[in-house]
Amino acid sequence: MAANENAELGKIPISHSQKRLFLMQWTMDGVTYGNHYLLGFPAFALADYQGWLPQITALLNDFRADEIDR
């Protein structure tokens, strides 16, 4: 794809009444990147987010969930 272009890769069925964590990972020019997205109506329980932190951390080695003040 050219820079700053979008492409639909597929569709994911969702329900905003559910709270879900989406993990995204991609590789570009030999470098792997990652990010996350929280789906659902706020507010999210802190305990739920803290439970997701290990999965978010696993996306990239430079994110340190254990260094976040709780």
PDB file of N, CA and C in Angstrom:
ATOM      1  N   MET A   1       0.834  -1.178   0.000  1.00  0.00           N
ATOM      2  CA  MET A   1       0.000   0.000   0.000  1.00  0.00           C
ATOM      3  C   MET A   1       0.880   1.242   0.000  1.00  0.00           C
ATOM      4  N   ALA A   2       0.371   2.253  -0.561  1.00  0.00           N
ATOM      5  CA  ALA A   2       1.073   3.529  -0.536  1.00  0.00           C
ATOM      6  C   ALA A   2       0.907   4.170   0.841  1.00  0.00           C
ATOM      7  N   ALA A   3       1.794   5.090   1.147  1.00  0.00           N
ATOM      8  CA  ALA A   3       1.731   5.795   2.430  1.00  0.00           C
ATOM      9  C   ALA A   3       0.390   6.495   2.594  1.00  0.00           C
ATOM     10  N   ASN A   4      -0.132   6.475   3.811  1.00  0.00           N
ATOM     11  CA  ASN A   4      -1.376   7.156   4.198  1.00  0.00           C
ATOM     12  C   ASN A   4      -2.618   6.626   3.492  1.00  0.00           C
ATOM     13  N   GLU A   5      -2.575   5.390   3.034  1.00  0.00           N
ATOM     14  CA  GLU A   5      -3.760   4.767   2.452  1.00  0.00           C
ATOM     15  C   GLU A   5      -4.331   3.749   3.424  1.00  0.00           C
ATOM     16  N   ASN A   6      -5.604   3.464   3.282  1.00  0.00           N
ATOM     17  CA  ASN A   6      -6.288   2.479   4.108  1.00  0.00           C
ATOM     18  C   ASN A   6      -6.783   1.347   3.232  1.00  0.00           C
ATOM     19  N   ALA A   7      -6.889   0.173   3.831  1.00  0.00           N
ATOM     20  CA  ALA A   7      -7.468  -0.973   3.133  1.00  0.00           C
ATOM     21  C   ALA A   7      -8.235  -1.801   4.149  1.00  0.00           C
ATOM     22  N   GLU A   8      -9.421  -2.229   3.772  1.00  0.00           N
ATOM     23  CA  GLU A   8     -10.195  -3.094   4.649  1.00  0.00           C
ATOM     24  C   GLU A   8      -9.669  -4.512   4.506  1.00  0.00           C
ATOM     25  N   LEU A   9      -9.254  -5.090   5.622  1.00  0.00           N
ATOM     26  CA  LEU A   9      -8.701  -6.437   5.609  1.00  0.00           C
ATOM     27  C   LEU A   9      -9.738  -7.487   5.969  1.00  0.00           C
ATOM     28  N   GLY A  10     -10.822  -7.048   6.557  1.00  0.00           N
ATOM     29  CA  GLY A  10     -11.875  -7.964   6.965  1.00  0.00           C
ATOM     30  C   GLY A  10     -12.809  -7.254   7.916  1.00  0.00           C
ATOM     31  N   LYS A  11     -13.753  -7.987   8.455  1.00  0.00           N
ATOM     32  CA  LYS A  11     -14.711  -7.418   9.403  1.00  0.00           C
ATOM     33  C   LYS A  11     -14.751  -8.293  10.638  1.00  0.00           C
ATOM     34  N   ILE A  12     -14.921  -7.650  11.776  1.00  0.00           N
ATOM     35  CA  ILE A  12     -15.024  -8.350  13.043  1.00  0.00           C
ATOM     36  C   ILE A  12     -16.387  -8.012  13.637  1.00  0.00           C
ATOM     37  N   PRO A  13     -17.241  -9.011  13.848  1.00  0.00           N
ATOM     38  CA  PRO A  13     -18.537  -8.721  14.452  1.00  0.00           C
ATOM     39  C   PRO A  13     -18.355  -8.271  15.902  1.00  0.00           C
ATOM     40  N   ILE A  14     -19.040  -7.200  16.277  1.00  0.00           N
ATOM     41  CA  ILE A  14     -18.884  -6.650  17.620  1.00  0.00           C
ATOM     42  C   ILE A  14     -20.232  -6.368  18.248  1.00  0.00           C
ATOM     43  N   SER A  15     -20.201  -6.224  19.552  1.00  0.00           N
ATOM     44  CA  SER A  15     -21.356  -5.753  20.316  1.00  0.00           C
ATOM     45  C   SER A  15     -20.818  -4.762  21.339  1.00  0.00           C
ATOM     46  N   HIS A  16     -21.325  -3.534  21.299  1.00  0.00           N
ATOM     47  CA  HIS A  16     -20.838  -2.518  22.227  1.00  0.00           C
ATOM     48  C   HIS A  16     -21.245  -2.807  23.664  1.00  0.00           C
ATOM     49  N   SER A  17     -22.159  -3.761  23.867  1.00  0.00           N
ATOM     50  CA  SER A  17     -22.547  -4.097  25.229  1.00  0.00           C
ATOM     51  C   SER A  17     -21.493  -4.972  25.903  1.00  0.00           C
ATOM     52  N   GLN A  18     -20.587  -5.548  25.118  1.00  0.00           N
ATOM     53  CA  GLN A  18     -19.495  -6.347  25.672  1.00  0.00           C
ATOM     54  C   GLN A  18     -18.251  -5.478  25.798  1.00  0.00           C
ATOM     55  N   LYS A  19     -17.465  -5.740  26.800  1.00  0.00           N
ATOM     56  CA  LYS A  19     -16.170  -5.072  26.944  1.00  0.00           C
ATOM     57  C   LYS A  19     -15.104  -6.070  26.490  1.00  0.00           C
ATOM     58  N   ARG A  20     -14.347  -5.660  25.458  1.00  0.00           N
ATOM     59  CA  ARG A  20     -13.355  -6.573  24.881  1.00  0.00           C
ATOM     60  C   ARG A  20     -12.050  -5.837  24.632  1.00  0.00           C
ATOM     61  N   LEU A  21     -10.999  -6.606  24.595  1.00  0.00           N
ATOM     62  CA  LEU A  21      -9.668  -6.105  24.269  1.00  0.00           C
ATOM     63  C   LEU A  21      -9.283  -6.662  22.913  1.00  0.00           C
ATOM     64  N   PHE A  22      -8.928  -5.777  21.983  1.00  0.00           N
ATOM     65  CA  PHE A  22      -8.409  -6.188  20.680  1.00  0.00           C
ATOM     66  C   PHE A  22      -6.912  -5.915  20.663  1.00  0.00           C
ATOM     67  N   LEU A  23      -6.140  -6.905  20.264  1.00  0.00           N
ATOM     68  CA  LEU A  23      -4.694  -6.757  20.128  1.00  0.00           C
ATOM     69  C   LEU A  23      -4.353  -6.769  18.646  1.00  0.00           C
ATOM     70  N   MET A  24      -3.557  -5.801  18.220  1.00  0.00           N
ATOM     71  CA  MET A  24      -3.153  -5.698  16.816  1.00  0.00           C
ATOM     72  C   MET A  24      -1.629  -5.755  16.736  1.00  0.00           C
ATOM     73  N   GLN A  25      -1.135  -6.483  15.770  1.00  0.00           N
ATOM     74  CA  GLN A  25       0.304  -6.565  15.568  1.00  0.00           C
ATOM     75  C   GLN A  25       0.577  -6.629  14.069  1.00  0.00           C
ATOM     76  N   TRP A  26       1.584  -5.902  13.623  1.00  0.00           N
ATOM     77  CA  TRP A  26       1.935  -5.880  12.210  1.00  0.00           C
ATOM     78  C   TRP A  26       3.443  -5.712  12.074  1.00  0.00           C
ATOM     79  N   THR A  27       3.953  -6.095  10.920  1.00  0.00           N
ATOM     80  CA  THR A  27       5.378  -5.969  10.624  1.00  0.00           C
ATOM     81  C   THR A  27       5.538  -5.124   9.374  1.00  0.00           C
ATOM     82  N   MET A  28       6.451  -4.157   9.460  1.00  0.00           N
ATOM     83  CA  MET A  28       6.729  -3.277   8.338  1.00  0.00           C
ATOM     84  C   MET A  28       8.232  -3.076   8.256  1.00  0.00           C
ATOM     85  N   ASP A  29       8.785  -3.337   7.103  1.00  0.00           N
ATOM     86  CA  ASP A  29      10.229  -3.209   6.886  1.00  0.00           C
ATOM     87  C   ASP A  29      11.024  -3.986   7.927  1.00  0.00           C
ATOM     88  N   GLY A  30      10.533  -5.167   8.278  1.00  0.00           N
ATOM     89  CA  GLY A  30      11.232  -6.035   9.206  1.00  0.00           C
ATOM     90  C   GLY A  30      11.092  -5.662  10.676  1.00  0.00           C
ATOM     91  N   VAL A  31      10.312  -4.637  10.989  1.00  0.00           N
ATOM     92  CA  VAL A  31      10.099  -4.211  12.372  1.00  0.00           C
ATOM     93  C   VAL A  31       8.655  -4.519  12.756  1.00  0.00           C
ATOM     94  N   THR A  32       8.468  -5.159  13.910  1.00  0.00           N
ATOM     95  CA  THR A  32       7.137  -5.510  14.385  1.00  0.00           C
ATOM     96  C   THR A  32       6.615  -4.435  15.327  1.00  0.00           C
ATOM     97  N   TYR A  33       5.369  -4.057  15.110  1.00  0.00           N
ATOM     98  CA  TYR A  33       4.698  -3.043  15.925  1.00  0.00           C
ATOM     99  C   TYR A  33       3.436  -3.659  16.516  1.00  0.00           C
ATOM    100  N   GLY A  34       2.877  -2.996  17.503  1.00  0.00           N
ATOM    101  CA  GLY A  34       1.646  -3.487  18.096  1.00  0.00           C
ATOM    102  C   GLY A  34       0.879  -2.367  18.771  1.00  0.00           C
ATOM    103  N   ASN A  35      -0.399  -2.609  18.992  1.00  0.00           N
ATOM    104  CA  ASN A  35      -1.239  -1.654  19.688  1.00  0.00           C
ATOM    105  C   ASN A  35      -2.452  -2.407  20.212  1.00  0.00           C
ATOM    106  N   HIS A  36      -3.283  -1.733  20.950  1.00  0.00           N
ATOM    107  CA  HIS A  36      -4.489  -2.355  21.472  1.00  0.00           C
ATOM    108  C   HIS A  36      -5.656  -1.379  21.400  1.00  0.00           C
ATOM    109  N   TYR A  37      -6.864  -1.945  21.489  1.00  0.00           N
ATOM    110  CA  TYR A  37      -8.092  -1.156  21.434  1.00  0.00           C
ATOM    111  C   TYR A  37      -9.089  -1.763  22.406  1.00  0.00           C
ATOM    112  N   LEU A  38      -9.699  -0.915  23.216  1.00  0.00           N
ATOM    113  CA  LEU A  38     -10.737  -1.365  24.140  1.00  0.00           C
ATOM    114  C   LEU A  38     -12.099  -1.097  23.518  1.00  0.00           C
ATOM    115  N   LEU A  39     -12.914  -2.142  23.411  1.00  0.00           N
ATOM    116  CA  LEU A  39     -14.243  -2.023  22.834  1.00  0.00           C
ATOM    117  C   LEU A  39     -15.282  -2.109  23.942  1.00  0.00           C
ATOM    118  N   GLY A  40     -16.276  -1.273  23.865  1.00  0.00           N
ATOM    119  CA  GLY A  40     -17.375  -1.307  24.817  1.00  0.00           C
ATOM    120  C   GLY A  40     -17.617   0.067  25.403  1.00  0.00           C
ATOM    121  N   PHE A  41     -18.735   0.192  26.050  1.00  0.00           N
ATOM    122  CA  PHE A  41     -19.052   1.478  26.667  1.00  0.00           C
ATOM    123  C   PHE A  41     -18.266   1.626  27.960  1.00  0.00           C
ATOM    124  N   PRO A  42     -17.617   2.767  28.146  1.00  0.00           N
ATOM    125  CA  PRO A  42     -16.930   3.008  29.417  1.00  0.00           C
ATOM    126  C   PRO A  42     -17.964   3.036  30.531  1.00  0.00           C
ATOM    127  N   ALA A  43     -17.650   2.856  31.706  1.00  0.00           N
ATOM    128  CA  ALA A  43     -16.302   2.800  32.235  1.00  0.00           C
ATOM    129  C   ALA A  43     -15.834   1.341  32.314  1.00  0.00           C
ATOM    130  N   PHE A  44     -14.537   1.182  32.142  1.00  0.00           N
ATOM    131  CA  PHE A  44     -13.923  -0.125  32.272  1.00  0.00           C
ATOM    132  C   PHE A  44     -13.424  -0.280  33.700  1.00  0.00           C
ATOM    133  N   ALA A  45     -13.584  -1.446  34.253  1.00  0.00           N
ATOM    134  CA  ALA A  45     -13.095  -1.711  35.601  1.00  0.00           C
ATOM    135  C   ALA A  45     -11.565  -1.743  35.584  1.00  0.00           C
ATOM    136  N   LEU A  46     -10.963  -1.087  36.548  1.00  0.00           N
ATOM    137  CA  LEU A  46      -9.505  -1.063  36.636  1.00  0.00           C
ATOM    138  C   LEU A  46      -8.945  -2.474  36.730  1.00  0.00           C
ATOM    139  N   ALA A  47      -9.604  -3.334  37.477  1.00  0.00           N
ATOM    140  CA  ALA A  47      -9.125  -4.717  37.624  1.00  0.00           C
ATOM    141  C   ALA A  47      -9.110  -5.443  36.275  1.00  0.00           C
ATOM    142  N   ASP A  48     -10.117  -5.181  35.428  1.00  0.00           N
ATOM    143  CA  ASP A  48     -10.135  -5.793  34.095  1.00  0.00           C
ATOM    144  C   ASP A  48      -8.940  -5.321  33.273  1.00  0.00           C
ATOM    145  N   TYR A  49      -8.700  -4.019  33.282  1.00  0.00           N
ATOM    146  CA  TYR A  49      -7.579  -3.471  32.507  1.00  0.00           C
ATOM    147  C   TYR A  49      -6.250  -4.012  33.024  1.00  0.00           C
ATOM    148  N   GLN A  50      -6.111  -4.065  34.331  1.00  0.00           N
ATOM    149  CA  GLN A  50      -4.872  -4.600  34.904  1.00  0.00           C
ATOM    150  C   GLN A  50      -4.684  -6.064  34.510  1.00  0.00           C
ATOM    151  N   GLY A  51      -5.789  -6.793  34.384  1.00  0.00           N
ATOM    152  CA  GLY A  51      -5.705  -8.180  33.938  1.00  0.00           C
ATOM    153  C   GLY A  51      -5.285  -8.305  32.482  1.00  0.00           C
ATOM    154  N   TRP A  52      -5.604  -7.282  31.686  1.00  0.00           N
ATOM    155  CA  TRP A  52      -5.219  -7.284  30.266  1.00  0.00           C
ATOM    156  C   TRP A  52      -3.781  -6.824  30.042  1.00  0.00           C
ATOM    157  N   LEU A  53      -3.196  -6.140  31.005  1.00  0.00           N
ATOM    158  CA  LEU A  53      -1.855  -5.574  30.810  1.00  0.00           C
ATOM    159  C   LEU A  53      -0.803  -6.599  30.381  1.00  0.00           C
ATOM    160  N   PRO A  54      -0.784  -7.817  30.929  1.00  0.00           N
ATOM    161  CA  PRO A  54       0.216  -8.777  30.440  1.00  0.00           C
ATOM    162  C   PRO A  54       0.073  -9.087  28.953  1.00  0.00           C
ATOM    163  N   GLN A  55      -1.163  -9.140  28.444  1.00  0.00           N
ATOM    164  CA  GLN A  55      -1.366  -9.392  27.019  1.00  0.00           C
ATOM    165  C   GLN A  55      -0.891  -8.202  26.179  1.00  0.00           C
ATOM    166  N   ILE A  56      -1.171  -6.998  26.673  1.00  0.00           N
ATOM    167  CA  ILE A  56      -0.714  -5.792  25.969  1.00  0.00           C
ATOM    168  C   ILE A  56       0.812  -5.735  25.979  1.00  0.00           C
ATOM    169  N   THR A  57       1.404  -6.070  27.110  1.00  0.00           N
ATOM    170  CA  THR A  57       2.861  -6.079  27.238  1.00  0.00           C
ATOM    171  C   THR A  57       3.489  -7.062  26.258  1.00  0.00           C
ATOM    172  N   ALA A  58       2.842  -8.193  26.050  1.00  0.00           N
ATOM    173  CA  ALA A  58       3.397  -9.226  25.175  1.00  0.00           C
ATOM    174  C   ALA A  58       3.470  -8.781  23.717  1.00  0.00           C
ATOM    175  N   LEU A  59       2.718  -7.742  23.338  1.00  0.00           N
ATOM    176  CA  LEU A  59       2.770  -7.257  21.955  1.00  0.00           C
ATOM    177  C   LEU A  59       4.148  -6.729  21.592  1.00  0.00           C
ATOM    178  N   LEU A  60       4.732  -5.969  22.496  1.00  0.00           N
ATOM    179  CA  LEU A  60       6.027  -5.340  22.240  1.00  0.00           C
ATOM    180  C   LEU A  60       6.909  -5.458  23.470  1.00  0.00           C
ATOM    181  N   ASN A  61       8.171  -5.652  23.261  1.00  0.00           N
ATOM    182  CA  ASN A  61       9.091  -5.787  24.389  1.00  0.00           C
ATOM    183  C   ASN A  61       9.412  -4.466  25.066  1.00  0.00           C
ATOM    184  N   ASP A  62       9.067  -3.331  24.458  1.00  0.00           N
ATOM    185  CA  ASP A  62       9.432  -2.043  25.054  1.00  0.00           C
ATOM    186  C   ASP A  62       8.337  -1.460  25.948  1.00  0.00           C
ATOM    187  N   PHE A  63       7.203  -2.151  26.103  1.00  0.00           N
ATOM    188  CA  PHE A  63       6.140  -1.698  26.995  1.00  0.00           C
ATOM    189  C   PHE A  63       6.273  -2.449  28.299  1.00  0.00           C
ATOM    190  N   ARG A  64       6.359  -1.729  29.402  1.00  0.00           N
ATOM    191  CA  ARG A  64       6.588  -2.328  30.714  1.00  0.00           C
ATOM    192  C   ARG A  64       5.376  -2.101  31.620  1.00  0.00           C
ATOM    193  N   ALA A  65       4.440  -3.017  31.598  1.00  0.00           N
ATOM    194  CA  ALA A  65       3.235  -2.881  32.415  1.00  0.00           C
ATOM    195  C   ALA A  65       3.564  -2.842  33.891  1.00  0.00           C
ATOM    196  N   ASP A  66       4.616  -3.533  34.307  1.00  0.00           N
ATOM    197  CA  ASP A  66       4.962  -3.562  35.734  1.00  0.00           C
ATOM    198  C   ASP A  66       5.505  -2.231  36.231  1.00  0.00           C
ATOM    199  N   GLU A  67       5.804  -1.303  35.343  1.00  0.00           N
ATOM    200  CA  GLU A  67       6.312   0.012  35.745  1.00  0.00           C
ATOM    201  C   GLU A  67       5.206   1.056  35.860  1.00  0.00           C
ATOM    202  N   ILE A  68       3.965   0.658  35.592  1.00  0.00           N
ATOM    203  CA  ILE A  68       2.835   1.588  35.696  1.00  0.00           C
ATOM    204  C   ILE A  68       2.443   1.715  37.153  1.00  0.00           C
ATOM    205  N   ASP A  69       2.289   2.951  37.633  1.00  0.00           N
ATOM    206  CA  ASP A  69       1.831   3.183  38.998  1.00  0.00           C
ATOM    207  C   ASP A  69       0.398   2.719  39.127  1.00  0.00           C
ATOM    208  N   ARG A  70       0.142   1.940  40.157  1.00  0.00           N
ATOM    209  CA  ARG A  70      -1.216   1.427  40.356  1.00  0.00           C
ATOM    210  C   ARG A  70      -1.828   2.029  41.570  1.00  0.00           C
TER     211      ARG A  70
END
